[in-house]
Structures are given as C-alpha cells and as structure tokens.
C-alpha cells in the first residue's frame, strides 16, 4: 500500500497546482497532451517490444486510452456543466465502480469490499457535499464516465498484469499504456483544444513538466503497480483518500477555506473503511 499512499500525496499536490496555475489559463487538452507525451517519453527508453504478445500490447494500450485518455476528456468536459465542488463531490463514487468492476472481471462477488467502498463514499460525501446546482444531471453523468474510465483502467491492469509472463518487469512494458493514452489525447487536442490558450509563463511550463514527469509519468505507473499489491477493497478505498489529502494540501499551502469538522469526520470514516478492508484481507489470507 506504500505505492498508493505515495502517489496519493503526489496527486494531492498536483491537483492544487492545477487549480492555482493552470485552470482557466492553459487549455485543458493541451495540458493533457503535454502530460501524456512527457510520461510516454519517460518510459519509452525502457520499452522491450518482444516481452508481450500483440494482444497484450493492444490491451495495455487500450487501458491507457481508457484510464488516462478518455478519463481526462470526460473530466474536463464536466466543468462545462458543474462547479468545482460538484465535480469533486461526484468523483466519490469511484470506489464503488472499482469494487464492482473488479468482481466482474475476476468473476466473483465480494460484498464486504462493496460495503467498505460504500462507507468510504459516505466519508467523502461528508467532506465535500455542499449542495448542487439546478442543471447538474448532464455533468453528473459525464463525471461518472470519468469515474468508470479510471476504475476500469485500475482493475483492468490488475487483471492483465496477473497474466504477464513471470520474467516481465512492469517498467519494461508500461510505455504501451502511455502510448494508448497518447492515441486519445492527440486527436482530442486537435478536435476540442484551443491553440490560442497555450502556456505563456515559466511557472505554467514548470507545473506542466511536474505533472507530466512526476504526476502522470511516475504517478500512474506506481499507482497501477500498487494496485497489484493490495486487495480490491483497499484499492477502492484509496481512490477516496485523495479527497481529504487534497483539501489538506490546499489548506496548508494556499489557505483555502475548509470546514475542519467535516474534514475530520469524513477522514475518520474513510480511515475506518480502510481499516475494515485491511483487517478483512488479513483474516482471509
């Protein structure tokens, strides 16, 4: 679980950087394209083409296209219909999708993990719920598209990676994941992007470099690697740990207004769900 915790910290900082330096200043699709391109360049030197079958390469690329490429398209379009608090609120359903999709892919049903995911979702709702606007249903379903893409990418990688030959190291094949995402991000920029809203300041380029190399490049690699080392229940819950982590980072560095009582109560609920999942996993090992 160390990988998941470390990436959660990285992403908590990254979301704050996006909100403070890129949102409204840099075209979102260009930001996504830059992130995916940089991440691809990080892993291309390690790529060993012969390690996977053609089917496995296509599957890994498809997972990258879904988890990173399609997820971002849904995510950025949701801001056309929803406020930022509403988008954050509706992302709390991701653990439910992780738990259900994992059971579907592995052809089993683990109701206890679903219960833990529901508890974590309730904890995140305590932290983030601030009411919704009148015309939010379109945005709600768009965010669910992003949630499902992110969840499917995680559990799909678990399923695919468990079938890799024993000699395969993940860093020797993970470039296929980013190339799949690039196959979505590149046309998305040309179709939806605004070429007149490119970075024009050093700090904007610096944030993009951080997001591409660290948050996307190392982040998604170690997140998916961490997903292989924990149960589906723990993975589902960790998807919601980012919400209190992001709020804490935003509070400390940028002094954003935060309801301390709701943050503490919601954080305790999520921690309780994580503890239940871990205890259940150890009991059944």
C-alpha atoms as a PDB file:
ATOM      1  CA  UNK A   1       0.000   0.000   0.000  1.00  0.00           C
ATOM      2  CA  UNK A   2       3.058   2.248   0.231  1.00  0.00           C
ATOM      3  CA  UNK A   3       2.891   2.976  -3.505  1.00  0.00           C
ATOM      4  CA  UNK A   4      -0.751   4.059  -3.296  1.00  0.00           C
ATOM      5  CA  UNK A   5      -0.093   6.347  -0.321  1.00  0.00           C
ATOM      6  CA  UNK A   6       2.932   7.953  -2.012  1.00  0.00           C
ATOM      7  CA  UNK A   7       1.007   8.585  -5.231  1.00  0.00           C
ATOM      8  CA  UNK A   8      -1.919   9.992  -3.262  1.00  0.00           C
ATOM      9  CA  UNK A   9       0.438  12.600  -1.798  1.00  0.00           C
ATOM     10  CA  UNK A  10       1.804  13.409  -5.278  1.00  0.00           C
ATOM     11  CA  UNK A  11      -1.656  13.801  -6.755  1.00  0.00           C
ATOM     12  CA  UNK A  12      -2.869  15.869  -3.791  1.00  0.00           C
ATOM     13  CA  UNK A  13      -0.166  18.445  -4.592  1.00  0.00           C
ATOM     14  CA  UNK A  14      -0.803  18.160  -8.312  1.00  0.00           C
ATOM     15  CA  UNK A  15      -4.499  18.989  -8.109  1.00  0.00           C
ATOM     16  CA  UNK A  16      -3.685  22.118  -6.123  1.00  0.00           C
ATOM     17  CA  UNK A  17      -1.082  23.147  -8.706  1.00  0.00           C
ATOM     18  CA  UNK A  18      -3.619  22.694 -11.492  1.00  0.00           C
ATOM     19  CA  UNK A  19      -6.182  24.793  -9.664  1.00  0.00           C
ATOM     20  CA  UNK A  20      -3.758  27.589  -8.817  1.00  0.00           C
ATOM     21  CA  UNK A  21      -1.663  27.858 -12.007  1.00  0.00           C
ATOM     22  CA  UNK A  22      -3.384  26.152 -14.956  1.00  0.00           C
ATOM     23  CA  UNK A  23      -7.161  26.273 -14.554  1.00  0.00           C
ATOM     24  CA  UNK A  24      -8.555  28.985 -16.797  1.00  0.00           C
ATOM     25  CA  UNK A  25      -5.071  29.935 -18.015  1.00  0.00           C
ATOM     26  CA  UNK A  26      -3.878  26.947 -20.087  1.00  0.00           C
ATOM     27  CA  UNK A  27      -6.011  24.920 -22.485  1.00  0.00           C
ATOM     28  CA  UNK A  28      -7.010  21.731 -20.698  1.00  0.00           C
ATOM     29  CA  UNK A  29      -6.497  19.470 -23.701  1.00  0.00           C
ATOM     30  CA  UNK A  30      -3.032  20.875 -24.291  1.00  0.00           C
ATOM     31  CA  UNK A  31      -2.239  20.201 -20.641  1.00  0.00           C
ATOM     32  CA  UNK A  32      -3.419  16.604 -21.007  1.00  0.00           C
ATOM     33  CA  UNK A  33      -1.469  16.133 -24.242  1.00  0.00           C
ATOM     34  CA  UNK A  34       1.676  17.545 -22.630  1.00  0.00           C
ATOM     35  CA  UNK A  35       1.319  15.294 -19.592  1.00  0.00           C
ATOM     36  CA  UNK A  36       0.797  12.148 -21.655  1.00  0.00           C
ATOM     37  CA  UNK A  37       3.617  12.987 -24.079  1.00  0.00           C
ATOM     38  CA  UNK A  38       6.123  13.579 -21.272  1.00  0.00           C
ATOM     39  CA  UNK A  39       5.034  10.406 -19.496  1.00  0.00           C
ATOM     40  CA  UNK A  40       5.484   8.433 -22.723  1.00  0.00           C
ATOM     41  CA  UNK A  41       8.986   9.820 -23.178  1.00  0.00           C
ATOM     42  CA  UNK A  42       9.896   8.713 -19.640  1.00  0.00           C
ATOM     43  CA  UNK A  43       9.072   5.066 -20.301  1.00  0.00           C
ATOM     44  CA  UNK A  44       9.928   4.656 -23.995  1.00  0.00           C
ATOM     45  CA  UNK A  45      13.672   4.096 -23.271  1.00  0.00           C
ATOM     46  CA  UNK A  46      12.743   1.142 -21.033  1.00  0.00           C
ATOM     47  CA  UNK A  47      10.357  -0.458 -23.529  1.00  0.00           C
ATOM     48  CA  UNK A  48      11.151  -4.021 -24.578  1.00  0.00           C
ATOM     49  CA  UNK A  49       8.874  -4.727 -27.513  1.00  0.00           C
ATOM     50  CA  UNK A  50       9.239  -8.512 -27.522  1.00  0.00           C
ATOM     51  CA  UNK A  51       8.115  -9.168 -23.932  1.00  0.00           C
ATOM     52  CA  UNK A  52       4.362  -9.123 -24.575  1.00  0.00           C
ATOM     53  CA  UNK A  53       2.149 -10.687 -27.189  1.00  0.00           C
ATOM     54  CA  UNK A  54       0.382  -8.458 -29.709  1.00  0.00           C
ATOM     55  CA  UNK A  55      -2.875  -8.984 -27.830  1.00  0.00           C
ATOM     56  CA  UNK A  56      -1.321  -7.936 -24.516  1.00  0.00           C
ATOM     57  CA  UNK A  57       0.228  -4.826 -26.094  1.00  0.00           C
ATOM     58  CA  UNK A  58      -3.132  -3.794 -27.527  1.00  0.00           C
ATOM     59  CA  UNK A  59      -4.857  -4.482 -24.214  1.00  0.00           C
ATOM     60  CA  UNK A  60      -2.326  -2.396 -22.268  1.00  0.00           C
ATOM     61  CA  UNK A  61      -2.626   0.436 -24.782  1.00  0.00           C
ATOM     62  CA  UNK A  62      -6.415   0.254 -24.556  1.00  0.00           C
ATOM     63  CA  UNK A  63      -6.232   0.518 -20.764  1.00  0.00           C
ATOM     64  CA  UNK A  64      -4.082   3.638 -21.087  1.00  0.00           C
ATOM     65  CA  UNK A  65      -6.530   5.101 -23.588  1.00  0.00           C
ATOM     66  CA  UNK A  66      -9.382   4.482 -21.145  1.00  0.00           C
ATOM     67  CA  UNK A  67      -7.814   5.221 -17.751  1.00  0.00           C
ATOM     68  CA  UNK A  68      -5.831   8.270 -18.822  1.00  0.00           C
ATOM     69  CA  UNK A  69      -7.093   9.438 -22.228  1.00  0.00           C
ATOM     70  CA  UNK A  70     -10.875   9.018 -22.057  1.00  0.00           C
ATOM     71  CA  UNK A  71     -10.994   9.778 -18.347  1.00  0.00           C
ATOM     72  CA  UNK A  72      -9.486  13.223 -18.887  1.00  0.00           C
ATOM     73  CA  UNK A  73     -11.862  14.000 -21.770  1.00  0.00           C
ATOM     74  CA  UNK A  74     -14.879  13.249 -19.574  1.00  0.00           C
ATOM     75  CA  UNK A  75     -13.310  15.037 -16.615  1.00  0.00           C
ATOM     76  CA  UNK A  76     -12.557  18.317 -18.384  1.00  0.00           C
ATOM     77  CA  UNK A  77     -15.929  18.408 -20.168  1.00  0.00           C
ATOM     78  CA  UNK A  78     -17.691  18.070 -16.822  1.00  0.00           C
ATOM     79  CA  UNK A  79     -16.544  21.571 -15.844  1.00  0.00           C
ATOM     80  CA  UNK A  80     -18.787  22.970 -18.590  1.00  0.00           C
ATOM     81  CA  UNK A  81     -21.799  21.851 -16.554  1.00  0.00           C
ATOM     82  CA  UNK A  82     -20.663  21.678 -12.932  1.00  0.00           C
ATOM     83  CA  UNK A  83     -18.921  23.793 -10.344  1.00  0.00           C
ATOM     84  CA  UNK A  84     -15.624  22.542  -8.905  1.00  0.00           C
ATOM     85  CA  UNK A  85     -17.233  21.388  -5.606  1.00  0.00           C
ATOM     86  CA  UNK A  86     -19.855  19.450  -7.578  1.00  0.00           C
ATOM     87  CA  UNK A  87     -17.203  17.710  -9.701  1.00  0.00           C
ATOM     88  CA  UNK A  88     -15.297  16.743  -6.552  1.00  0.00           C
ATOM     89  CA  UNK A  89     -18.495  15.520  -4.941  1.00  0.00           C
ATOM     90  CA  UNK A  90     -19.414  13.267  -7.853  1.00  0.00           C
ATOM     91  CA  UNK A  91     -15.959  11.649  -8.012  1.00  0.00           C
ATOM     92  CA  UNK A  92     -16.647   9.924  -4.693  1.00  0.00           C
ATOM     93  CA  UNK A  93     -18.405   7.072  -6.490  1.00  0.00           C
ATOM     94  CA  UNK A  94     -15.139   5.751  -7.981  1.00  0.00           C
ATOM     95  CA  UNK A  95     -14.553   3.181  -5.171  1.00  0.00           C
ATOM     96  CA  UNK A  96     -17.937   1.617  -5.903  1.00  0.00           C
ATOM     97  CA  UNK A  97     -17.007   1.171  -9.553  1.00  0.00           C
ATOM     98  CA  UNK A  98     -13.608  -0.271  -8.599  1.00  0.00           C
ATOM     99  CA  UNK A  99     -15.211  -2.844  -6.296  1.00  0.00           C
ATOM    100  CA  UNK A 100     -17.932  -3.842  -8.767  1.00  0.00           C
ATOM    101  CA  UNK A 101     -15.728  -3.922 -11.875  1.00  0.00           C
ATOM    102  CA  UNK A 102     -13.066  -5.942 -10.078  1.00  0.00           C
ATOM    103  CA  UNK A 103     -15.630  -8.563  -9.078  1.00  0.00           C
ATOM    104  CA  UNK A 104     -16.999  -8.605 -12.629  1.00  0.00           C
ATOM    105  CA  UNK A 105     -13.581  -9.028 -14.279  1.00  0.00           C
ATOM    106  CA  UNK A 106     -12.484 -11.748 -11.853  1.00  0.00           C
ATOM    107  CA  UNK A 107     -15.953 -13.395 -11.942  1.00  0.00           C
ATOM    108  CA  UNK A 108     -16.652 -13.267  -8.228  1.00  0.00           C
ATOM    109  CA  UNK A 109     -18.647 -11.239  -5.734  1.00  0.00           C
ATOM    110  CA  UNK A 110     -17.178  -9.820  -2.515  1.00  0.00           C
ATOM    111  CA  UNK A 111     -19.965  -7.919  -0.741  1.00  0.00           C
ATOM    112  CA  UNK A 112     -17.696  -6.893   2.146  1.00  0.00           C
ATOM    113  CA  UNK A 113     -15.427  -4.876  -0.166  1.00  0.00           C
ATOM    114  CA  UNK A 114     -18.511  -3.207  -1.639  1.00  0.00           C
ATOM    115  CA  UNK A 115     -19.626  -2.338   1.894  1.00  0.00           C
ATOM    116  CA  UNK A 116     -16.204  -0.819   2.676  1.00  0.00           C
ATOM    117  CA  UNK A 117     -16.362   1.198  -0.549  1.00  0.00           C
ATOM    118  CA  UNK A 118     -19.825   2.478   0.405  1.00  0.00           C
ATOM    119  CA  UNK A 119     -18.515   3.553   3.823  1.00  0.00           C
ATOM    120  CA  UNK A 120     -15.594   5.385   2.176  1.00  0.00           C
ATOM    121  CA  UNK A 121     -18.007   7.063  -0.241  1.00  0.00           C
ATOM    122  CA  UNK A 122     -20.105   8.252   2.693  1.00  0.00           C
ATOM    123  CA  UNK A 123     -16.980   9.676   4.330  1.00  0.00           C
ATOM    124  CA  UNK A 124     -16.041  11.573   1.185  1.00  0.00           C
ATOM    125  CA  UNK A 125     -19.602  12.891   0.919  1.00  0.00           C
ATOM    126  CA  UNK A 126     -19.365  14.287   4.450  1.00  0.00           C
ATOM    127  CA  UNK A 127     -16.242  16.212   3.412  1.00  0.00           C
ATOM    128  CA  UNK A 128     -17.326  17.501   0.028  1.00  0.00           C
ATOM    129  CA  UNK A 129     -21.118  17.782  -0.102  1.00  0.00           C
ATOM    130  CA  UNK A 130     -22.165  21.418  -0.446  1.00  0.00           C
ATOM    131  CA  UNK A 131     -25.370  21.113  -2.436  1.00  0.00           C
ATOM    132  CA  UNK A 132     -25.720  21.010  -6.215  1.00  0.00           C
ATOM    133  CA  UNK A 133     -26.919  23.383  -8.920  1.00  0.00           C
ATOM    134  CA  UNK A 134     -30.276  23.024 -10.672  1.00  0.00           C
ATOM    135  CA  UNK A 135     -28.991  21.650 -14.000  1.00  0.00           C
ATOM    136  CA  UNK A 136     -26.412  19.182 -12.835  1.00  0.00           C
ATOM    137  CA  UNK A 137     -27.599  15.845 -14.260  1.00  0.00           C
ATOM    138  CA  UNK A 138     -25.654  16.133 -17.514  1.00  0.00           C
ATOM    139  CA  UNK A 139     -22.497  16.969 -15.608  1.00  0.00           C
ATOM    140  CA  UNK A 140     -23.197  14.204 -13.118  1.00  0.00           C
ATOM    141  CA  UNK A 141     -23.271  11.526 -15.815  1.00  0.00           C
ATOM    142  CA  UNK A 142     -20.166  12.953 -17.506  1.00  0.00           C
ATOM    143  CA  UNK A 143     -18.257  12.690 -14.223  1.00  0.00           C
ATOM    144  CA  UNK A 144     -19.489   9.119 -13.839  1.00  0.00           C
ATOM    145  CA  UNK A 145     -17.969   8.435 -17.259  1.00  0.00           C
ATOM    146  CA  UNK A 146     -14.633   9.698 -15.909  1.00  0.00           C
ATOM    147  CA  UNK A 147     -15.022   7.632 -12.735  1.00  0.00           C
ATOM    148  CA  UNK A 148     -15.798   4.455 -14.672  1.00  0.00           C
ATOM    149  CA  UNK A 149     -12.826   5.004 -17.003  1.00  0.00           C
ATOM    150  CA  UNK A 150     -10.453   5.484 -14.076  1.00  0.00           C
ATOM    151  CA  UNK A 151     -11.858   2.471 -12.235  1.00  0.00           C
ATOM    152  CA  UNK A 152     -11.822   0.247 -15.322  1.00  0.00           C
ATOM    153  CA  UNK A 153      -8.203   1.148 -16.017  1.00  0.00           C
ATOM    154  CA  UNK A 154      -7.140   0.161 -12.499  1.00  0.00           C
ATOM    155  CA  UNK A 155      -8.938  -3.158 -12.269  1.00  0.00           C
ATOM    156  CA  UNK A 156      -8.203  -3.933 -15.919  1.00  0.00           C
ATOM    157  CA  UNK A 157      -4.492  -3.515 -15.280  1.00  0.00           C
ATOM    158  CA  UNK A 158      -4.757  -5.860 -12.281  1.00  0.00           C
ATOM    159  CA  UNK A 159      -6.398  -8.467 -14.492  1.00  0.00           C
ATOM    160  CA  UNK A 160      -3.956  -8.019 -17.386  1.00  0.00           C
ATOM    161  CA  UNK A 161      -0.749  -7.820 -15.333  1.00  0.00           C
ATOM    162  CA  UNK A 162      -1.518 -11.013 -13.439  1.00  0.00           C
ATOM    163  CA  UNK A 163      -1.303 -12.756 -16.820  1.00  0.00           C
ATOM    164  CA  UNK A 164       2.116 -11.362 -17.770  1.00  0.00           C
ATOM    165  CA  UNK A 165       4.987 -13.860 -18.057  1.00  0.00           C
ATOM    166  CA  UNK A 166       6.936 -14.110 -14.756  1.00  0.00           C
ATOM    167  CA  UNK A 167      10.053 -12.565 -16.315  1.00  0.00           C
ATOM    168  CA  UNK A 168       8.235  -9.363 -17.346  1.00  0.00           C
ATOM    169  CA  UNK A 169       9.018  -6.239 -15.312  1.00  0.00           C
ATOM    170  CA  UNK A 170       6.263  -3.636 -15.435  1.00  0.00           C
ATOM    171  CA  UNK A 171       8.582  -0.753 -16.353  1.00  0.00           C
ATOM    172  CA  UNK A 172       9.675  -2.629 -19.493  1.00  0.00           C
ATOM    173  CA  UNK A 173       6.132  -2.679 -20.901  1.00  0.00           C
ATOM    174  CA  UNK A 174       4.351   0.325 -19.342  1.00  0.00           C
ATOM    175  CA  UNK A 175       5.140   2.589 -22.292  1.00  0.00           C
ATOM    176  CA  UNK A 176       2.307   0.823 -24.147  1.00  0.00           C
ATOM    177  CA  UNK A 177      -0.073   2.264 -21.524  1.00  0.00           C
ATOM    178  CA  UNK A 178       1.011   5.842 -22.229  1.00  0.00           C
ATOM    179  CA  UNK A 179       1.088   5.345 -25.991  1.00  0.00           C
ATOM    180  CA  UNK A 180      -2.534   4.252 -25.766  1.00  0.00           C
ATOM    181  CA  UNK A 181      -3.360   7.408 -23.822  1.00  0.00           C
ATOM    182  CA  UNK A 182      -1.460   9.469 -26.396  1.00  0.00           C
ATOM    183  CA  UNK A 183      -3.600   7.959 -29.162  1.00  0.00           C
ATOM    184  CA  UNK A 184      -6.596   9.588 -27.458  1.00  0.00           C
ATOM    185  CA  UNK A 185      -5.020  12.821 -26.164  1.00  0.00           C
ATOM    186  CA  UNK A 186      -3.529  13.888 -29.510  1.00  0.00           C
ATOM    187  CA  UNK A 187      -6.734  13.884 -31.593  1.00  0.00           C
ATOM    188  CA  UNK A 188      -8.669  15.258 -28.599  1.00  0.00           C
ATOM    189  CA  UNK A 189      -6.476  18.370 -28.588  1.00  0.00           C
ATOM    190  CA  UNK A 190      -6.947  18.934 -32.320  1.00  0.00           C
ATOM    191  CA  UNK A 191     -10.719  18.473 -32.032  1.00  0.00           C
ATOM    192  CA  UNK A 192     -11.513  20.214 -28.730  1.00  0.00           C
ATOM    193  CA  UNK A 193      -8.363  22.173 -27.864  1.00  0.00           C
ATOM    194  CA  UNK A 194      -7.791  25.918 -28.067  1.00  0.00           C
ATOM    195  CA  UNK A 195      -4.416  26.685 -29.726  1.00  0.00           C
ATOM    196  CA  UNK A 196      -4.694  30.305 -28.561  1.00  0.00           C
ATOM    197  CA  UNK A 197      -4.612  29.315 -24.886  1.00  0.00           C
ATOM    198  CA  UNK A 198      -1.136  27.815 -24.583  1.00  0.00           C
ATOM    199  CA  UNK A 199       1.272  28.393 -21.661  1.00  0.00           C
ATOM    200  CA  UNK A 200       2.982  31.791 -21.704  1.00  0.00           C
ATOM    201  CA  UNK A 201       4.691  31.840 -18.292  1.00  0.00           C
ATOM    202  CA  UNK A 202       7.613  29.922 -16.813  1.00  0.00           C
ATOM    203  CA  UNK A 203       5.613  28.713 -13.819  1.00  0.00           C
ATOM    204  CA  UNK A 204       2.926  27.261 -16.121  1.00  0.00           C
ATOM    205  CA  UNK A 205       5.539  25.292 -18.064  1.00  0.00           C
ATOM    206  CA  UNK A 206       7.103  24.224 -14.772  1.00  0.00           C
ATOM    207  CA  UNK A 207       3.795  22.891 -13.480  1.00  0.00           C
ATOM    208  CA  UNK A 208       3.200  21.032 -16.761  1.00  0.00           C
ATOM    209  CA  UNK A 209       6.664  19.499 -16.509  1.00  0.00           C
ATOM    210  CA  UNK A 210       5.924  18.326 -12.959  1.00  0.00           C
ATOM    211  CA  UNK A 211       2.530  16.949 -13.969  1.00  0.00           C
ATOM    212  CA  UNK A 212       3.916  15.114 -16.991  1.00  0.00           C
ATOM    213  CA  UNK A 213       7.054  13.605 -15.496  1.00  0.00           C
ATOM    214  CA  UNK A 214       6.032  13.079 -11.866  1.00  0.00           C
ATOM    215  CA  UNK A 215       2.229  13.049 -11.519  1.00  0.00           C
ATOM    216  CA  UNK A 216       1.422  11.278 -14.795  1.00  0.00           C
ATOM    217  CA  UNK A 217       4.692   9.508 -15.587  1.00  0.00           C
ATOM    218  CA  UNK A 218       5.671   8.138 -12.195  1.00  0.00           C
ATOM    219  CA  UNK A 219       2.240   8.559 -10.609  1.00  0.00           C
ATOM    220  CA  UNK A 220       0.173   6.306 -12.843  1.00  0.00           C
ATOM    221  CA  UNK A 221       2.959   3.727 -13.059  1.00  0.00           C
ATOM    222  CA  UNK A 222       3.285   3.358  -9.296  1.00  0.00           C
ATOM    223  CA  UNK A 223      -0.471   3.623  -8.739  1.00  0.00           C
ATOM    224  CA  UNK A 224      -1.154   0.702 -11.071  1.00  0.00           C
ATOM    225  CA  UNK A 225       1.830  -1.163  -9.620  1.00  0.00           C
ATOM    226  CA  UNK A 226       0.425  -0.594  -6.144  1.00  0.00           C
ATOM    227  CA  UNK A 227      -2.944  -1.871  -7.342  1.00  0.00           C
ATOM    228  CA  UNK A 228      -1.305  -5.267  -7.893  1.00  0.00           C
ATOM    229  CA  UNK A 229      -0.151  -5.456  -4.271  1.00  0.00           C
ATOM    230  CA  UNK A 230      -3.420  -4.774  -2.433  1.00  0.00           C
ATOM    231  CA  UNK A 231      -6.911  -6.213  -2.362  1.00  0.00           C
ATOM    232  CA  UNK A 232      -9.693  -4.773  -4.469  1.00  0.00           C
ATOM    233  CA  UNK A 233     -11.304  -3.387  -1.316  1.00  0.00           C
ATOM    234  CA  UNK A 234      -8.201  -1.454  -0.292  1.00  0.00           C
ATOM    235  CA  UNK A 235      -7.719  -0.181  -3.845  1.00  0.00           C
ATOM    236  CA  UNK A 236     -11.308   1.040  -3.936  1.00  0.00           C
ATOM    237  CA  UNK A 237     -10.971   2.950  -0.671  1.00  0.00           C
ATOM    238  CA  UNK A 238      -7.639   4.530  -1.622  1.00  0.00           C
ATOM    239  CA  UNK A 239      -9.427   6.213  -4.523  1.00  0.00           C
ATOM    240  CA  UNK A 240     -11.222   8.413  -1.998  1.00  0.00           C
ATOM    241  CA  UNK A 241      -8.250   9.132   0.280  1.00  0.00           C
ATOM    242  CA  UNK A 242      -7.194  11.752  -2.279  1.00  0.00           C
ATOM    243  CA  UNK A 243     -10.154  13.974  -1.340  1.00  0.00           C
ATOM    244  CA  UNK A 244      -9.088  14.762   2.261  1.00  0.00           C
ATOM    245  CA  UNK A 245      -5.414  14.708   1.216  1.00  0.00           C
ATOM    246  CA  UNK A 246      -6.055  17.288  -1.492  1.00  0.00           C
ATOM    247  CA  UNK A 247      -8.010  19.502   0.886  1.00  0.00           C
ATOM    248  CA  UNK A 248      -5.243  19.398   3.498  1.00  0.00           C
ATOM    249  CA  UNK A 249      -2.574  20.356   0.941  1.00  0.00           C
ATOM    250  CA  UNK A 250      -4.754  23.147  -0.414  1.00  0.00           C
ATOM    251  CA  UNK A 251      -5.400  24.398   3.098  1.00  0.00           C
ATOM    252  CA  UNK A 252      -1.747  24.380   4.203  1.00  0.00           C
ATOM    253  CA  UNK A 253      -0.192  25.891   1.068  1.00  0.00           C
ATOM    254  CA  UNK A 254      -2.930  28.203  -0.193  1.00  0.00           C
ATOM    255  CA  UNK A 255      -5.063  28.752   2.934  1.00  0.00           C
ATOM    256  CA  UNK A 256      -8.295  27.812   1.173  1.00  0.00           C
ATOM    257  CA  UNK A 257     -11.451  27.806   3.269  1.00  0.00           C
ATOM    258  CA  UNK A 258     -12.141  24.359   4.706  1.00  0.00           C
ATOM    259  CA  UNK A 259     -14.700  23.061   7.179  1.00  0.00           C
ATOM    260  CA  UNK A 260     -12.371  21.436   9.731  1.00  0.00           C
ATOM    261  CA  UNK A 261     -15.089  19.433  11.454  1.00  0.00           C
ATOM    262  CA  UNK A 262     -16.352  17.895   8.206  1.00  0.00           C
ATOM    263  CA  UNK A 263     -12.783  17.194   7.078  1.00  0.00           C
ATOM    264  CA  UNK A 264     -12.001  15.378  10.333  1.00  0.00           C
ATOM    265  CA  UNK A 265     -15.264  13.406  10.469  1.00  0.00           C
ATOM    266  CA  UNK A 266     -15.062  12.396   6.807  1.00  0.00           C
ATOM    267  CA  UNK A 267     -11.389  11.477   7.138  1.00  0.00           C
ATOM    268  CA  UNK A 268     -12.136   9.277  10.155  1.00  0.00           C
ATOM    269  CA  UNK A 269     -14.918   7.492   8.240  1.00  0.00           C
ATOM    270  CA  UNK A 270     -12.609   6.818   5.268  1.00  0.00           C
ATOM    271  CA  UNK A 271      -9.832   5.625   7.604  1.00  0.00           C
ATOM    272  CA  UNK A 272     -12.312   3.300   9.313  1.00  0.00           C
ATOM    273  CA  UNK A 273     -13.334   1.823   5.952  1.00  0.00           C
ATOM    274  CA  UNK A 274      -9.672   1.298   5.053  1.00  0.00           C
ATOM    275  CA  UNK A 275      -9.018  -0.391   8.413  1.00  0.00           C
ATOM    276  CA  UNK A 276     -12.006  -2.714   7.925  1.00  0.00           C
ATOM    277  CA  UNK A 277     -10.798  -3.701   4.468  1.00  0.00           C
ATOM    278  CA  UNK A 278      -7.250  -4.366   5.664  1.00  0.00           C
ATOM    279  CA  UNK A 279      -8.473  -6.403   8.661  1.00  0.00           C
ATOM    280  CA  UNK A 280     -10.756  -8.488   6.435  1.00  0.00           C
ATOM    281  CA  UNK A 281      -7.912  -9.114   3.977  1.00  0.00           C
ATOM    282  CA  UNK A 282      -5.522 -10.309   6.705  1.00  0.00           C
ATOM    283  CA  UNK A 283      -8.212 -12.550   8.170  1.00  0.00           C
ATOM    284  CA  UNK A 284      -8.721 -14.273   4.825  1.00  0.00           C
ATOM    285  CA  UNK A 285      -5.027 -14.624   3.882  1.00  0.00           C
END
